[in-house]
């Protein structure tokens, strides 16, 4: 079974977290939500209280095929400050597995770490952060038009409104394009 780790923090963007986890589960992916905060209970950006499955320090990176970093502020900043999460991303990257981020997370989590960005030639993030990400990563192209960008095993997306396309792309990459198409149809999603 394909397994995904979704990081969460106080002020993580509700739509991005719930859309990605929901669609991955519908595709048959085993999803673990792990808090980077000192406790499992977090309060998302719009006030929803969530209890994560684990603390990030309880996670074994070798158990996962994908790690996802949702955005939201200052949720993405909390993710970027989590050394255990950064270590997990780097271990999955080194193992040739997927690492994905949406909204502010491509800028704050990926763009702030040269090891994560090594070999990444194109990505995207929340539009108001495009220029900041480009300054951090001058050798990579920051797409201002693509809702989802895939560069090798690095998958990025722009924000809440693109979270469905982002999640379906992850299903396509991890499960199959047929499953992604079927889910899109079942969910009445048109691109």
Protein backbone atom coordinates (compact mmCIF):
# COMPACT_ATOMS: atom_id res chain seq x y z
CA UNK A 1 0.00 0.00 0.00
CA UNK A 2 1.19 3.51 -0.85
CA UNK A 3 1.79 5.64 2.25
CA UNK A 4 1.84 9.42 2.58
CA UNK A 5 2.91 11.68 5.42
CA UNK A 6 1.17 15.02 5.71
CA UNK A 7 2.78 17.54 8.05
CA UNK A 8 0.58 19.88 10.08
CA UNK A 9 1.14 22.83 12.41
CA UNK A 10 -0.83 25.52 14.13
CA UNK A 11 -2.23 27.79 11.38
CA UNK A 12 -1.86 25.28 8.55
CA UNK A 13 -4.30 26.13 5.74
CA UNK A 14 -7.48 24.10 6.35
CA UNK A 15 -8.47 23.63 2.70
CA UNK A 16 -5.05 22.42 1.60
CA UNK A 17 -4.68 19.92 4.42
CA UNK A 18 -8.20 18.51 4.22
CA UNK A 19 -8.32 18.35 0.41
CA UNK A 20 -4.99 16.56 0.07
CA UNK A 21 -5.63 14.07 2.87
CA UNK A 22 -9.20 13.38 1.72
CA UNK A 23 -8.29 12.74 -1.92
CA UNK A 24 -5.29 10.58 -1.05
CA UNK A 25 -7.44 8.44 1.26
CA UNK A 26 -10.12 8.12 -1.45
CA UNK A 27 -7.36 6.82 -3.75
CA UNK A 28 -6.44 4.11 -1.27
CA UNK A 29 -3.32 5.81 0.08
CA UNK A 30 -2.62 5.31 3.77
CA UNK A 31 -2.23 8.85 5.15
CA UNK A 32 -0.52 9.78 8.41
CA UNK A 33 -0.93 13.36 9.65
CA UNK A 34 2.00 14.39 11.85
CA UNK A 35 2.24 17.53 13.95
CA UNK A 36 5.45 19.55 14.02
CA UNK A 37 4.19 21.29 17.16
CA UNK A 38 5.05 19.99 20.67
CA UNK A 39 1.57 18.41 20.85
CA UNK A 40 -0.70 16.45 18.49
CA UNK A 41 -3.59 18.91 18.77
CA UNK A 42 -3.29 21.87 16.42
CA UNK A 43 -5.53 24.79 15.52
CA UNK A 44 -5.69 25.32 11.76
CA UNK A 45 -5.73 28.73 10.06
CA UNK A 46 -9.53 29.14 10.17
CA UNK A 47 -9.91 27.83 13.72
CA UNK A 48 -10.62 24.15 13.10
CA UNK A 49 -9.03 22.05 15.84
CA UNK A 50 -7.41 18.83 14.65
CA UNK A 51 -5.65 15.99 16.44
CA UNK A 52 -2.79 14.60 14.37
CA UNK A 53 -2.07 10.88 14.20
CA UNK A 54 1.49 11.35 15.45
CA UNK A 55 4.12 13.87 16.38
CA UNK A 56 6.68 14.41 13.63
CA UNK A 57 9.35 13.01 15.98
CA UNK A 58 7.48 9.68 16.08
CA UNK A 59 7.62 9.18 12.31
CA UNK A 60 9.93 6.78 10.50
CA UNK A 61 10.72 8.33 7.08
CA UNK A 62 11.31 4.91 5.55
CA UNK A 63 7.61 4.13 5.97
CA UNK A 64 6.48 6.71 3.41
CA UNK A 65 6.37 7.19 -0.36
CA UNK A 66 5.43 10.88 -0.13
CA UNK A 67 5.67 13.79 2.28
CA UNK A 68 3.28 16.74 1.84
CA UNK A 69 3.71 20.24 3.29
CA UNK A 70 0.52 22.31 3.22
CA UNK A 71 0.68 26.10 3.37
CA UNK A 72 -1.03 28.69 5.49
CA UNK A 73 0.64 31.33 7.61
CA UNK A 74 2.32 31.01 9.95
CA UNK A 75 1.73 27.26 9.52
CA UNK A 76 4.27 26.98 6.69
CA UNK A 77 6.79 28.91 8.81
CA UNK A 78 6.30 26.38 11.61
CA UNK A 79 6.94 23.58 9.10
CA UNK A 80 10.10 25.29 7.85
CA UNK A 81 11.43 25.51 11.42
CA UNK A 82 10.94 21.79 12.09
CA UNK A 83 14.32 20.07 11.81
CA UNK A 84 12.68 16.61 12.02
CA UNK A 85 10.41 17.48 9.07
CA UNK A 86 13.31 18.86 7.00
CA UNK A 87 15.27 15.66 7.74
CA UNK A 88 12.29 13.55 6.59
CA UNK A 89 11.98 15.53 3.34
CA UNK A 90 15.69 15.11 2.65
CA UNK A 91 15.57 11.36 3.40
CA UNK A 92 12.61 10.84 1.07
CA UNK A 93 14.29 12.92 -1.62
CA UNK A 94 17.52 10.89 -1.28
CA UNK A 95 15.48 7.68 -1.56
CA UNK A 96 13.90 8.88 -4.83
CA UNK A 97 10.48 9.38 -3.28
CA UNK A 98 8.03 12.25 -3.70
CA UNK A 99 8.07 15.47 -1.70
CA UNK A 100 5.33 18.01 -2.24
CA UNK A 101 4.35 21.48 -1.03
CA UNK A 102 1.58 23.95 -1.71
CA UNK A 103 0.93 27.67 -1.14
CA UNK A 104 3.55 29.24 1.16
CA UNK A 105 5.32 25.93 1.82
CA UNK A 106 7.30 25.72 -1.46
CA UNK A 107 8.79 29.13 -0.60
CA UNK A 108 9.27 28.73 3.14
CA UNK A 109 10.01 25.00 3.46
CA UNK A 110 11.64 24.08 0.14
CA UNK A 111 13.03 27.47 -0.95
CA UNK A 112 14.77 28.02 2.38
CA UNK A 113 16.81 24.82 2.12
CA UNK A 114 19.50 24.44 -0.53
CA UNK A 115 19.60 20.64 -0.12
CA UNK A 116 15.87 20.33 -0.83
CA UNK A 117 16.22 22.64 -3.85
CA UNK A 118 19.29 20.89 -5.28
CA UNK A 119 18.35 19.62 -8.75
CA UNK A 120 14.94 21.32 -8.80
CA UNK A 121 14.66 23.39 -11.98
CA UNK A 122 11.02 24.56 -11.83
CA UNK A 123 8.39 25.02 -9.12
CA UNK A 124 5.54 27.26 -8.07
CA UNK A 125 4.04 28.67 -4.88
CA UNK A 126 1.47 31.18 -3.63
CA UNK A 127 1.49 34.02 -6.23
CA UNK A 128 2.38 36.79 -3.76
CA UNK A 129 5.55 34.81 -2.93
CA UNK A 130 6.76 34.17 -6.50
CA UNK A 131 9.40 36.91 -6.48
CA UNK A 132 10.68 35.97 -3.00
CA UNK A 133 11.01 32.32 -4.07
CA UNK A 134 12.80 33.37 -7.28
CA UNK A 135 15.29 35.41 -5.22
CA UNK A 136 15.95 32.44 -2.92
CA UNK A 137 16.30 30.02 -5.85
CA UNK A 138 17.78 31.96 -8.77
CA UNK A 139 18.74 28.80 -10.68
CA UNK A 140 15.15 27.49 -10.69
CA UNK A 141 12.29 28.84 -12.75
CA UNK A 142 9.26 29.90 -10.71
CA UNK A 143 6.14 29.25 -12.76
CA UNK A 144 3.54 31.99 -12.39
CA UNK A 145 0.90 30.24 -14.50
CA UNK A 146 0.94 26.52 -13.72
CA UNK A 147 -1.43 25.43 -10.95
CA UNK A 148 0.69 22.35 -10.27
CA UNK A 149 4.33 21.82 -11.20
CA UNK A 150 6.11 18.46 -11.23
CA UNK A 151 9.90 18.41 -11.50
CA UNK A 152 11.17 14.89 -10.98
CA UNK A 153 9.93 13.92 -7.51
CA UNK A 154 9.25 17.53 -6.41
CA UNK A 155 5.58 18.55 -6.70
CA UNK A 156 4.41 22.10 -5.95
CA UNK A 157 1.19 24.06 -6.25
CA UNK A 158 -0.10 27.61 -5.76
CA UNK A 159 -2.72 27.61 -3.00
CA UNK A 160 -6.17 26.75 -1.65
CA UNK A 161 -7.98 26.92 -5.01
CA UNK A 162 -5.40 24.63 -6.62
CA UNK A 163 -5.41 22.04 -3.84
CA UNK A 164 -7.79 19.69 -5.71
CA UNK A 165 -5.57 19.70 -8.81
CA UNK A 166 -2.52 19.24 -6.56
CA UNK A 167 -4.05 16.26 -4.74
CA UNK A 168 -5.22 14.63 -7.96
CA UNK A 169 -1.73 15.02 -9.45
CA UNK A 170 -0.33 13.25 -6.38
CA UNK A 171 -2.82 10.41 -6.94
CA UNK A 172 -1.77 10.22 -10.60
CA UNK A 173 1.90 9.99 -9.62
CA UNK A 174 1.52 7.60 -6.67
CA UNK A 175 -1.41 5.40 -7.72
CA UNK A 176 -2.38 5.81 -11.39
CA UNK A 177 -3.72 8.29 -13.90
CA UNK A 178 -6.87 6.14 -14.18
CA UNK A 179 -7.53 6.48 -10.44
CA UNK A 180 -6.96 10.25 -10.60
CA UNK A 181 -9.38 10.54 -13.54
CA UNK A 182 -12.00 8.41 -11.79
CA UNK A 183 -11.74 10.47 -8.58
CA UNK A 184 -11.96 13.74 -10.52
CA UNK A 185 -15.15 12.49 -12.17
CA UNK A 186 -16.63 11.21 -8.90
CA UNK A 187 -15.91 14.55 -7.22
CA UNK A 188 -17.32 16.56 -10.16
CA UNK A 189 -13.93 18.18 -10.71
CA UNK A 190 -13.23 19.65 -14.14
CA UNK A 191 -9.91 21.15 -15.05
